[in-house]
Structures are given as C-alpha cells and as structure tokens.
C-alpha cells in the first residue's frame, strides 16, 4: 500500500504522514512542487527519527508521477483519491493491498485533471456544516480501514 501526497502545503502534516507511513510500512509518493522546502533536514525535524524507515519516491510533477505509475503498475495499484467532493464513502469501499491512497493540498485539494485521473474517489462522511478533516487525519482514518480490510499485510 502507498500513500500519495499531491503538492503538500504544510511541512508538519507531511512529517506526520511520513511518520504514519514508517509505522505502518507504507511507501510514500510526494508529488512536487511543495509549499515548503522539502529536504531531508526539515523532514527529519517534522517526522522525527522515523523518516529513515520510509520508502519515499519524489516526483517532480503530476505528469512525472503518471509516467512513474505507467512504468510501475505492480507498485502503483489503483489510485484512490480522498476528496470532499467524492460520493463514495471510504468505509464501504473494498481496498486492495496494492492501492495508492492520495491526499491533496491542504489549501486547495487537487485540480480537476487529478480528480478525473483517480480510479476511485472516496469521501469521509462528516456532520452537516463541517468542511473537511486535516489531510494527515484523513489519510490515517482511510489507511487504517484499508489496512484493516487487507489484514495489515503490509506491516510485515
């Protein structure tokens, strides 16, 4: 299972997601540009000493990420986008161990071209009047369900 960060804006959220990925043995794809300087020193501070335990793939752009997916279909699996605009609830979706779960920018989500490219778009239901969860929390919620369904097979 992989976690995909589309042009992240906030280094603390990225660090949290990298730590989550280390703990749950998730590979991470970071699609640039980021809204901050993404370097090992800053990420080590945000993700503490967990960063060395994460397989991080850096992609210079959305087209570069798509090219990588085309070259690595066994690694990339299905692209599942978490979006407040989606209709399919995350908890009723049938996950696979090779899925890639994507979160968008904290400030603006993903552009329409990225939304359209996702194999599936999932939403976390919220009470009326609430817009969204923090991307790190949203990724943790959905990834936990995906790992539960797949037997936490990626943890070994």
Protein backbone atom coordinates (compact mmCIF):
# COMPACT_ATOMS: atom_id res chain seq x y z
CA UNK A 1 0.00 0.00 0.00
CA UNK A 2 1.20 3.51 -0.81
CA UNK A 3 0.34 6.99 0.41
CA UNK A 4 0.45 9.75 -2.23
CA UNK A 5 0.88 13.40 -1.24
CA UNK A 6 -0.13 15.79 -4.00
CA UNK A 7 1.82 19.07 -3.71
CA UNK A 8 1.65 19.26 0.10
CA UNK A 9 1.50 22.74 1.64
CA UNK A 10 2.30 22.18 5.30
CA UNK A 11 5.57 20.54 6.43
CA UNK A 12 4.16 19.41 9.78
CA UNK A 13 1.37 17.45 8.05
CA UNK A 14 3.90 15.92 5.67
CA UNK A 15 6.09 14.94 8.61
CA UNK A 16 3.10 13.39 10.36
CA UNK A 17 2.21 11.41 7.23
CA UNK A 18 5.80 10.22 6.84
CA UNK A 19 5.80 9.05 10.46
CA UNK A 20 2.48 7.25 9.93
CA UNK A 21 3.93 5.63 6.84
CA UNK A 22 7.01 4.46 8.73
CA UNK A 23 4.89 2.92 11.47
CA UNK A 24 2.52 1.17 9.04
CA UNK A 25 5.13 0.28 6.39
CA UNK A 26 3.57 2.40 3.65
CA UNK A 27 5.62 3.61 0.71
CA UNK A 28 5.13 7.33 0.04
CA UNK A 29 4.95 9.25 -3.21
CA UNK A 30 5.45 13.01 -2.95
CA UNK A 31 4.35 14.98 -6.00
CA UNK A 32 6.09 18.33 -6.31
CA UNK A 33 6.06 21.25 -6.07
CA UNK A 34 5.54 21.53 -2.33
CA UNK A 35 4.50 24.66 -0.48
CA UNK A 36 7.73 24.43 1.55
CA UNK A 37 11.31 23.33 1.10
CA UNK A 38 11.24 19.53 1.12
CA UNK A 39 14.65 18.35 2.20
CA UNK A 40 15.95 15.63 4.47
CA UNK A 41 16.88 18.00 7.31
CA UNK A 42 13.45 19.64 7.50
CA UNK A 43 11.60 16.35 7.09
CA UNK A 44 13.68 14.71 9.82
CA UNK A 45 12.65 17.53 12.15
CA UNK A 46 8.97 17.19 11.21
CA UNK A 47 8.94 13.38 11.15
CA UNK A 48 11.50 12.86 13.90
CA UNK A 49 13.70 9.79 13.56
CA UNK A 50 11.08 7.83 11.59
CA UNK A 51 11.96 9.27 8.18
CA UNK A 52 14.80 6.82 7.53
CA UNK A 53 12.25 3.97 7.76
CA UNK A 54 10.09 5.30 4.89
CA UNK A 55 10.43 4.44 1.21
CA UNK A 56 9.88 7.90 -0.34
CA UNK A 57 9.54 8.39 -4.09
CA UNK A 58 9.81 12.01 -5.21
CA UNK A 59 8.06 13.03 -8.41
CA UNK A 60 8.88 16.40 -9.97
CA UNK A 61 5.31 16.94 -11.23
CA UNK A 62 1.93 15.33 -11.81
CA UNK A 63 2.97 14.19 -15.33
CA UNK A 64 6.17 12.69 -13.87
CA UNK A 65 4.08 10.78 -11.31
CA UNK A 66 1.76 9.48 -14.06
CA UNK A 67 4.79 8.32 -16.05
CA UNK A 68 6.15 6.52 -12.97
CA UNK A 69 2.74 4.81 -12.46
CA UNK A 70 2.73 3.65 -16.08
CA UNK A 71 6.23 2.19 -15.68
CA UNK A 72 5.45 0.57 -12.30
CA UNK A 73 1.87 -0.78 -12.40
CA UNK A 74 2.59 -3.53 -9.85
CA UNK A 75 3.77 -0.94 -7.33
CA UNK A 76 1.22 1.77 -8.08
CA UNK A 77 -2.03 -0.25 -7.98
CA UNK A 78 -5.29 1.68 -8.09
CA UNK A 79 -5.23 5.40 -7.36
CA UNK A 80 -7.75 6.25 -4.62
CA UNK A 81 -8.29 9.97 -4.07
CA UNK A 82 -9.68 11.28 -0.79
CA UNK A 83 -11.93 14.22 -1.60
CA UNK A 84 -14.70 16.21 0.00
CA UNK A 85 -16.30 16.26 -3.48
CA UNK A 86 -16.50 12.47 -3.75
CA UNK A 87 -19.69 10.47 -3.26
CA UNK A 88 -18.36 7.03 -2.29
CA UNK A 89 -17.86 6.62 1.48
CA UNK A 90 -14.42 5.29 2.40
CA UNK A 91 -15.78 2.73 4.88
CA UNK A 92 -17.84 0.80 2.31
CA UNK A 93 -15.06 0.63 -0.30
CA UNK A 94 -13.24 -2.69 -0.91
CA UNK A 95 -9.50 -2.00 -0.62
CA UNK A 96 -6.60 -4.00 -2.02
CA UNK A 97 -3.09 -4.31 -0.61
CA UNK A 98 -1.59 -2.59 -3.68
CA UNK A 99 -3.79 0.54 -3.53
CA UNK A 100 -2.30 4.05 -3.59
CA UNK A 101 -4.22 6.44 -1.34
CA UNK A 102 -3.87 10.08 -2.34
CA UNK A 103 -4.48 13.27 -0.39
CA UNK A 104 -4.46 16.71 -1.99
CA UNK A 105 -3.06 20.05 -0.97
CA UNK A 106 -4.25 21.34 2.36
CA UNK A 107 -5.16 24.69 0.77
CA UNK A 108 -6.94 23.58 -2.39
CA UNK A 109 -7.18 19.80 -2.79
CA UNK A 110 -6.34 18.66 -6.31
CA UNK A 111 -7.04 20.16 -9.73
CA UNK A 112 -9.78 18.69 -11.91
CA UNK A 113 -7.28 16.78 -14.07
CA UNK A 114 -6.01 14.90 -11.00
CA UNK A 115 -9.54 14.31 -9.72
CA UNK A 116 -10.52 12.82 -13.08
CA UNK A 117 -7.43 10.59 -13.23
CA UNK A 118 -8.18 8.79 -9.96
CA UNK A 119 -9.50 5.25 -10.28
CA UNK A 120 -11.82 5.89 -7.32
CA UNK A 121 -12.75 8.96 -5.30
CA UNK A 122 -13.61 8.45 -1.64
CA UNK A 123 -15.14 10.72 0.97
CA UNK A 124 -15.07 10.66 4.76
CA UNK A 125 -18.63 11.45 5.87
CA UNK A 126 -18.80 14.44 8.22
CA UNK A 127 -21.64 16.03 10.12
CA UNK A 128 -23.55 18.82 8.40
CA UNK A 129 -21.74 22.13 8.26
CA UNK A 130 -18.23 20.66 8.57
CA UNK A 131 -15.97 21.04 5.51
CA UNK A 132 -13.10 18.61 5.97
CA UNK A 133 -10.57 16.93 8.21
CA UNK A 134 -6.87 17.73 8.30
CA UNK A 135 -5.14 15.76 5.50
CA UNK A 136 -2.97 13.81 7.94
CA UNK A 137 -6.03 12.75 9.95
CA UNK A 138 -7.98 11.90 6.80
CA UNK A 139 -5.13 9.78 5.47
CA UNK A 140 -4.80 7.98 8.81
CA UNK A 141 -8.53 7.22 9.00
CA UNK A 142 -8.76 5.82 5.49
CA UNK A 143 -5.43 4.00 5.58
CA UNK A 144 -6.40 2.32 8.86
CA UNK A 145 -9.57 0.99 7.22
CA UNK A 146 -7.66 -0.12 4.13
CA UNK A 147 -5.11 -1.97 6.27
CA UNK A 148 -7.87 -3.49 8.40
CA UNK A 149 -9.58 -4.85 5.30
CA UNK A 150 -6.37 -6.20 3.79
CA UNK A 151 -5.25 -7.87 7.01
CA UNK A 152 -2.48 -5.38 7.72
CA UNK A 153 -0.43 -7.43 5.24
CA UNK A 154 1.94 -4.54 4.55
CA UNK A 155 3.09 -4.40 8.17
CA UNK A 156 5.26 -7.48 7.95
